[in-house]
Amino acid sequence: MIDILIWVGIAIISTGIIVLCTRCKKKLSFSIFEDAKQKISNTEKLAPSHAILEAHKIFISALQTLNSKSKTTAAQATQNVVKRFPNEQYIWQFHRLRNQIAHEPDIHVSPMQAEEARREFVRALESLL
């Protein structure tokens, strides 16, 4: 009888540990954050539309370091962590703008939009530290 109780106790504890581990949130490495922040900042030298494309690419690259899968799309990488962002709506807004720039001709992007995108990408990454 005691043997059964011990095994039941071990099973319950093991299940609890597994559940807690699957809920653990991966954190972004500080060095990856700093590198991405610097690279995103350097995009201010580019034309606004090009700056958004580059800043988004850097942002997604940093997000992909959190995922154990080697290949994820930008949307998948974002979807995996977007609920942790304090600025979720802005991230999706700039993701859509990036897609418009890449796929639609004659999209005008202002320098202010590019600056806001840079700021929001860095803010989102910072929330993953």
N, C-alpha and C. Protein backbone atom coordinates (compact mmCIF):
# COMPACT_ATOMS: atom_id res chain seq x y z
N MET A 1 0.82 -1.20 0.00
CA MET A 1 0.00 0.00 0.00
C MET A 1 0.86 1.26 0.00
N ILE A 2 1.91 1.27 0.81
CA ILE A 2 2.80 2.42 0.88
C ILE A 2 3.52 2.60 -0.45
N ASP A 3 3.88 1.47 -1.10
CA ASP A 3 4.53 1.54 -2.41
C ASP A 3 3.66 2.26 -3.42
N ILE A 4 2.37 1.96 -3.41
CA ILE A 4 1.44 2.58 -4.35
C ILE A 4 1.35 4.08 -4.08
N LEU A 5 1.28 4.47 -2.82
CA LEU A 5 1.20 5.88 -2.47
C LEU A 5 2.46 6.62 -2.90
N ILE A 6 3.61 5.98 -2.74
CA ILE A 6 4.86 6.60 -3.18
C ILE A 6 4.85 6.82 -4.68
N TRP A 7 4.42 5.80 -5.43
CA TRP A 7 4.38 5.92 -6.90
C TRP A 7 3.37 6.98 -7.34
N VAL A 8 2.24 7.04 -6.67
CA VAL A 8 1.24 8.07 -7.00
C VAL A 8 1.81 9.46 -6.71
N GLY A 9 2.50 9.61 -5.59
CA GLY A 9 3.12 10.88 -5.24
C GLY A 9 4.17 11.30 -6.26
N ILE A 10 5.00 10.34 -6.68
CA ILE A 10 6.02 10.63 -7.70
C ILE A 10 5.35 11.04 -9.01
N ALA A 11 4.28 10.36 -9.39
CA ALA A 11 3.57 10.69 -10.63
C ALA A 11 2.99 12.10 -10.57
N ILE A 12 2.41 12.45 -9.44
CA ILE A 12 1.81 13.78 -9.29
C ILE A 12 2.90 14.86 -9.35
N ILE A 13 3.99 14.65 -8.65
CA ILE A 13 5.09 15.63 -8.66
C ILE A 13 5.68 15.76 -10.06
N SER A 14 5.89 14.64 -10.73
CA SER A 14 6.43 14.66 -12.09
C SER A 14 5.52 15.42 -13.04
N THR A 15 4.24 15.19 -12.94
CA THR A 15 3.27 15.88 -13.79
C THR A 15 3.32 17.39 -13.52
N GLY A 16 3.41 17.76 -12.27
CA GLY A 16 3.49 19.18 -11.92
C GLY A 16 4.73 19.83 -12.50
N ILE A 17 5.86 19.16 -12.43
CA ILE A 17 7.09 19.70 -12.98
C ILE A 17 6.98 19.87 -14.49
N ILE A 18 6.41 18.88 -15.15
CA ILE A 18 6.25 18.96 -16.61
C ILE A 18 5.35 20.13 -16.98
N VAL A 19 4.25 20.31 -16.27
CA VAL A 19 3.33 21.41 -16.56
C VAL A 19 4.03 22.75 -16.34
N LEU A 20 4.77 22.88 -15.26
CA LEU A 20 5.47 24.14 -14.99
C LEU A 20 6.52 24.43 -16.06
N CYS A 21 7.23 23.41 -16.48
CA CYS A 21 8.28 23.62 -17.49
C CYS A 21 7.71 24.01 -18.84
N THR A 22 6.56 23.49 -19.18
CA THR A 22 5.98 23.85 -20.48
C THR A 22 5.42 25.27 -20.45
N ARG A 23 5.17 25.80 -19.27
CA ARG A 23 4.69 27.17 -19.17
C ARG A 23 5.81 28.19 -19.01
N CYS A 24 7.02 27.70 -18.87
CA CYS A 24 8.17 28.61 -18.74
C CYS A 24 8.31 29.44 -20.01
N LYS A 25 8.51 30.71 -19.82
CA LYS A 25 8.66 31.61 -20.95
C LYS A 25 10.13 31.81 -21.24
N LYS A 26 10.49 31.58 -22.48
CA LYS A 26 11.88 31.79 -22.86
C LYS A 26 12.17 33.28 -22.85
N LYS A 27 13.35 33.61 -22.41
CA LYS A 27 13.76 35.00 -22.37
C LYS A 27 14.79 35.26 -23.47
N LEU A 28 14.74 36.46 -23.98
CA LEU A 28 15.70 36.88 -24.99
C LEU A 28 17.03 37.17 -24.31
N SER A 29 18.08 36.69 -24.90
CA SER A 29 19.42 36.96 -24.38
C SER A 29 19.69 38.46 -24.44
N PHE A 30 20.33 38.99 -23.39
CA PHE A 30 20.63 40.42 -23.36
C PHE A 30 21.56 40.80 -24.50
N SER A 31 22.50 39.96 -24.83
CA SER A 31 23.43 40.28 -25.93
C SER A 31 22.71 40.31 -27.28
N ILE A 32 21.75 39.42 -27.47
CA ILE A 32 20.96 39.44 -28.71
C ILE A 32 20.11 40.70 -28.75
N PHE A 33 19.53 41.07 -27.61
CA PHE A 33 18.73 42.30 -27.53
C PHE A 33 19.58 43.53 -27.88
N GLU A 34 20.75 43.64 -27.26
CA GLU A 34 21.62 44.79 -27.50
C GLU A 34 22.05 44.86 -28.97
N ASP A 35 22.39 43.71 -29.53
CA ASP A 35 22.81 43.65 -30.94
C ASP A 35 21.65 44.09 -31.85
N ALA A 36 20.46 43.55 -31.59
CA ALA A 36 19.29 43.90 -32.40
C ALA A 36 18.95 45.39 -32.24
N LYS A 37 19.01 45.88 -31.02
CA LYS A 37 18.71 47.30 -30.75
C LYS A 37 19.65 48.20 -31.55
N GLN A 38 20.94 47.86 -31.55
CA GLN A 38 21.92 48.67 -32.28
C GLN A 38 21.67 48.60 -33.79
N LYS A 39 21.41 47.41 -34.30
CA LYS A 39 21.16 47.26 -35.73
C LYS A 39 19.87 47.98 -36.15
N ILE A 40 18.84 47.89 -35.32
CA ILE A 40 17.59 48.59 -35.62
C ILE A 40 17.83 50.09 -35.63
N SER A 41 18.59 50.57 -34.67
CA SER A 41 18.91 52.00 -34.60
C SER A 41 19.66 52.46 -35.86
N ASN A 42 20.53 51.62 -36.36
CA ASN A 42 21.32 51.96 -37.55
C ASN A 42 20.47 52.08 -38.82
N THR A 43 19.23 51.60 -38.79
CA THR A 43 18.38 51.70 -39.98
C THR A 43 17.87 53.12 -40.20
N GLU A 44 18.11 54.03 -39.26
CA GLU A 44 17.64 55.40 -39.46
C GLU A 44 18.37 56.10 -40.59
N LYS A 45 19.47 55.53 -41.03
CA LYS A 45 20.23 56.10 -42.16
C LYS A 45 19.59 55.74 -43.50
N LEU A 46 18.65 54.80 -43.48
CA LEU A 46 18.02 54.31 -44.72
C LEU A 46 16.76 55.10 -45.05
N ALA A 47 16.30 54.94 -46.28
CA ALA A 47 15.01 55.50 -46.67
C ALA A 47 13.94 54.86 -45.77
N PRO A 48 12.88 55.58 -45.45
CA PRO A 48 11.88 55.07 -44.50
C PRO A 48 11.33 53.67 -44.83
N SER A 49 10.98 53.42 -46.07
CA SER A 49 10.43 52.10 -46.41
C SER A 49 11.49 51.01 -46.25
N HIS A 50 12.70 51.30 -46.67
CA HIS A 50 13.80 50.34 -46.52
C HIS A 50 14.12 50.14 -45.04
N ALA A 51 14.05 51.19 -44.27
CA ALA A 51 14.31 51.11 -42.83
C ALA A 51 13.33 50.17 -42.15
N ILE A 52 12.06 50.24 -42.51
CA ILE A 52 11.06 49.35 -41.91
C ILE A 52 11.33 47.91 -42.31
N LEU A 53 11.65 47.67 -43.58
CA LEU A 53 11.97 46.31 -44.02
C LEU A 53 13.15 45.75 -43.21
N GLU A 54 14.20 46.53 -43.07
CA GLU A 54 15.40 46.07 -42.36
C GLU A 54 15.15 45.91 -40.86
N ALA A 55 14.47 46.87 -40.25
CA ALA A 55 14.19 46.79 -38.81
C ALA A 55 13.32 45.57 -38.51
N HIS A 56 12.35 45.31 -39.36
CA HIS A 56 11.48 44.15 -39.18
C HIS A 56 12.29 42.87 -39.31
N LYS A 57 13.20 42.81 -40.27
CA LYS A 57 14.03 41.62 -40.47
C LYS A 57 14.89 41.36 -39.23
N ILE A 58 15.46 42.41 -38.67
CA ILE A 58 16.29 42.28 -37.46
C ILE A 58 15.43 41.83 -36.28
N PHE A 59 14.25 42.42 -36.15
CA PHE A 59 13.30 42.06 -35.09
C PHE A 59 12.95 40.58 -35.16
N ILE A 60 12.61 40.10 -36.34
CA ILE A 60 12.22 38.69 -36.52
C ILE A 60 13.41 37.77 -36.26
N SER A 61 14.57 38.17 -36.69
CA SER A 61 15.76 37.37 -36.44
C SER A 61 15.99 37.17 -34.94
N ALA A 62 15.80 38.22 -34.17
CA ALA A 62 15.94 38.13 -32.71
C ALA A 62 14.87 37.21 -32.13
N LEU A 63 13.64 37.33 -32.62
CA LEU A 63 12.56 36.46 -32.13
C LEU A 63 12.84 35.00 -32.43
N GLN A 64 13.42 34.73 -33.58
CA GLN A 64 13.67 33.34 -33.98
C GLN A 64 14.69 32.66 -33.08
N THR A 65 15.48 33.42 -32.34
CA THR A 65 16.43 32.80 -31.41
C THR A 65 15.70 32.17 -30.23
N LEU A 66 14.44 32.55 -30.00
CA LEU A 66 13.65 31.98 -28.90
C LEU A 66 13.02 30.65 -29.27
N ASN A 67 12.98 30.35 -30.55
CA ASN A 67 12.28 29.17 -31.04
C ASN A 67 13.26 28.05 -31.33
N SER A 68 12.95 26.87 -30.87
CA SER A 68 13.85 25.74 -31.11
C SER A 68 13.76 25.22 -32.54
N LYS A 69 12.66 25.54 -33.22
CA LYS A 69 12.54 25.14 -34.62
C LYS A 69 13.47 26.02 -35.45
N SER A 70 14.15 25.42 -36.40
CA SER A 70 15.13 26.18 -37.17
C SER A 70 14.47 27.14 -38.17
N LYS A 71 13.33 26.79 -38.70
CA LYS A 71 12.67 27.63 -39.69
C LYS A 71 11.27 28.02 -39.22
N THR A 72 11.07 29.31 -39.05
CA THR A 72 9.73 29.83 -38.79
C THR A 72 9.54 31.07 -39.63
N THR A 73 8.32 31.30 -40.05
CA THR A 73 8.04 32.52 -40.80
C THR A 73 8.00 33.69 -39.83
N ALA A 74 8.01 34.89 -40.36
CA ALA A 74 7.93 36.08 -39.52
C ALA A 74 6.65 36.07 -38.69
N ALA A 75 5.55 35.70 -39.33
CA ALA A 75 4.27 35.68 -38.62
C ALA A 75 4.29 34.63 -37.51
N GLN A 76 4.87 33.46 -37.78
CA GLN A 76 4.95 32.42 -36.76
C GLN A 76 5.83 32.85 -35.59
N ALA A 77 6.97 33.43 -35.90
CA ALA A 77 7.88 33.89 -34.85
C ALA A 77 7.20 34.94 -33.97
N THR A 78 6.45 35.82 -34.60
CA THR A 78 5.74 36.86 -33.85
C THR A 78 4.59 36.25 -33.04
N GLN A 79 3.83 35.37 -33.66
CA GLN A 79 2.67 34.75 -33.01
C GLN A 79 3.08 34.01 -31.74
N ASN A 80 4.26 33.40 -31.75
CA ASN A 80 4.72 32.63 -30.60
C ASN A 80 4.90 33.46 -29.33
N VAL A 81 5.14 34.76 -29.47
CA VAL A 81 5.44 35.59 -28.30
C VAL A 81 4.63 36.88 -28.21
N VAL A 82 3.79 37.15 -29.18
CA VAL A 82 3.13 38.45 -29.27
C VAL A 82 2.31 38.82 -28.03
N LYS A 83 1.76 37.86 -27.35
CA LYS A 83 0.94 38.16 -26.16
C LYS A 83 1.78 38.71 -25.01
N ARG A 84 3.09 38.54 -25.11
CA ARG A 84 3.98 39.08 -24.08
C ARG A 84 4.37 40.53 -24.35
N PHE A 85 4.03 41.04 -25.53
CA PHE A 85 4.42 42.40 -25.90
C PHE A 85 3.44 43.41 -25.29
N PRO A 86 3.95 44.51 -24.73
CA PRO A 86 3.06 45.55 -24.24
C PRO A 86 2.45 46.35 -25.40
N ASN A 87 3.00 46.17 -26.59
CA ASN A 87 2.60 46.94 -27.77
C ASN A 87 2.18 46.01 -28.92
N GLU A 88 1.43 45.00 -28.58
CA GLU A 88 1.03 43.98 -29.55
C GLU A 88 0.40 44.57 -30.82
N GLN A 89 -0.50 45.52 -30.66
CA GLN A 89 -1.18 46.10 -31.83
C GLN A 89 -0.20 46.80 -32.76
N TYR A 90 0.76 47.51 -32.19
CA TYR A 90 1.76 48.19 -33.03
C TYR A 90 2.60 47.18 -33.80
N ILE A 91 2.97 46.09 -33.15
CA ILE A 91 3.79 45.08 -33.82
C ILE A 91 3.07 44.52 -35.02
N TRP A 92 1.78 44.17 -34.85
CA TRP A 92 1.02 43.66 -36.01
C TRP A 92 0.85 44.75 -37.07
N GLN A 93 0.64 45.98 -36.64
CA GLN A 93 0.50 47.10 -37.59
C GLN A 93 1.75 47.23 -38.45
N PHE A 94 2.92 47.18 -37.82
CA PHE A 94 4.16 47.33 -38.58
C PHE A 94 4.51 46.07 -39.37
N HIS A 95 4.04 44.93 -38.90
CA HIS A 95 4.21 43.70 -39.68
C HIS A 95 3.41 43.81 -40.99
N ARG A 96 2.18 44.30 -40.87
CA ARG A 96 1.35 44.47 -42.07
C ARG A 96 1.94 45.54 -43.00
N LEU A 97 2.44 46.63 -42.42
CA LEU A 97 3.07 47.68 -43.23
C LEU A 97 4.29 47.13 -43.95
N ARG A 98 5.07 46.32 -43.27
CA ARG A 98 6.23 45.70 -43.90
C ARG A 98 5.79 44.85 -45.10
N ASN A 99 4.72 44.09 -44.94
CA ASN A 99 4.20 43.28 -46.05
C ASN A 99 3.72 44.14 -47.21
N GLN A 100 3.09 45.26 -46.90
CA GLN A 100 2.65 46.17 -47.96
C GLN A 100 3.84 46.73 -48.72
N ILE A 101 4.87 47.12 -47.99
CA ILE A 101 6.07 47.66 -48.63
C ILE A 101 6.68 46.61 -49.56
N ALA A 102 6.73 45.38 -49.08
CA ALA A 102 7.38 44.31 -49.83
C ALA A 102 6.57 43.86 -51.05
N HIS A 103 5.24 43.97 -50.98
CA HIS A 103 4.41 43.35 -52.01
C HIS A 103 3.54 44.29 -52.84
N GLU A 104 3.43 45.52 -52.41
CA GLU A 104 2.58 46.45 -53.15
C GLU A 104 3.41 47.62 -53.68
N PRO A 105 3.20 47.99 -54.92
CA PRO A 105 3.95 49.13 -55.46
C PRO A 105 3.41 50.46 -54.91
N ASP A 106 4.25 51.45 -54.91
CA ASP A 106 3.86 52.82 -54.57
C ASP A 106 3.32 53.01 -53.15
N ILE A 107 3.87 52.30 -52.20
CA ILE A 107 3.50 52.52 -50.80
C ILE A 107 4.40 53.63 -50.26
N HIS A 108 3.78 54.68 -49.73
CA HIS A 108 4.55 55.79 -49.16
C HIS A 108 4.70 55.57 -47.66
N VAL A 109 5.92 55.69 -47.18
CA VAL A 109 6.21 55.56 -45.76
C VAL A 109 6.91 56.83 -45.30
N SER A 110 6.40 57.44 -44.26
CA SER A 110 7.00 58.67 -43.77
C SER A 110 8.16 58.35 -42.82
N PRO A 111 9.08 59.29 -42.67
CA PRO A 111 10.17 59.10 -41.70
C PRO A 111 9.63 58.87 -40.28
N MET A 112 8.50 59.50 -39.97
CA MET A 112 7.89 59.34 -38.64
C MET A 112 7.41 57.89 -38.44
N GLN A 113 6.84 57.28 -39.48
CA GLN A 113 6.40 55.88 -39.39
C GLN A 113 7.61 54.97 -39.17
N ALA A 114 8.69 55.23 -39.87
CA ALA A 114 9.89 54.42 -39.72
C ALA A 114 10.45 54.54 -38.30
N GLU A 115 10.46 55.75 -37.78
CA GLU A 115 10.97 55.96 -36.41
C GLU A 115 10.08 55.25 -35.39
N GLU A 116 8.77 55.34 -35.59
CA GLU A 116 7.84 54.67 -34.67
C GLU A 116 8.02 53.15 -34.75
N ALA A 117 8.21 52.62 -35.93
CA ALA A 117 8.43 51.17 -36.09
C ALA A 117 9.69 50.75 -35.36
N ARG A 118 10.79 51.50 -35.52
CA ARG A 118 12.03 51.18 -34.82
C ARG A 118 11.80 51.15 -33.31
N ARG A 119 11.15 52.19 -32.82
CA ARG A 119 10.90 52.31 -31.37
C ARG A 119 10.06 51.13 -30.86
N GLU A 120 9.01 50.77 -31.59
CA GLU A 120 8.12 49.69 -31.15
C GLU A 120 8.77 48.32 -31.25
N PHE A 121 9.60 48.10 -32.27
CA PHE A 121 10.31 46.82 -32.37
C PHE A 121 11.26 46.65 -31.17
N VAL A 122 11.97 47.70 -30.83
CA VAL A 122 12.90 47.63 -29.68
C VAL A 122 12.12 47.44 -28.39
N ARG A 123 11.01 48.15 -28.25
CA ARG A 123 10.18 48.02 -27.05
C ARG A 123 9.67 46.59 -26.88
N ALA A 124 9.24 45.98 -27.97
CA ALA A 124 8.75 44.60 -27.92
C ALA A 124 9.87 43.64 -27.53
N LEU A 125 11.04 43.81 -28.12
CA LEU A 125 12.18 42.94 -27.78
C LEU A 125 12.57 43.11 -26.30
N GLU A 126 12.54 44.34 -25.84
CA GLU A 126 12.90 44.61 -24.45
C GLU A 126 11.97 43.89 -23.49
N SER A 127 10.72 43.73 -23.87
CA SER A 127 9.75 43.06 -23.00
C SER A 127 10.04 41.56 -22.88
N LEU A 128 10.92 41.04 -23.71
CA LEU A 128 11.26 39.60 -23.67
C LEU A 128 12.50 39.32 -22.84
N LEU A 129 13.10 40.35 -22.28
CA LEU A 129 14.30 40.15 -21.44
C LEU A 129 13.95 39.54 -20.10
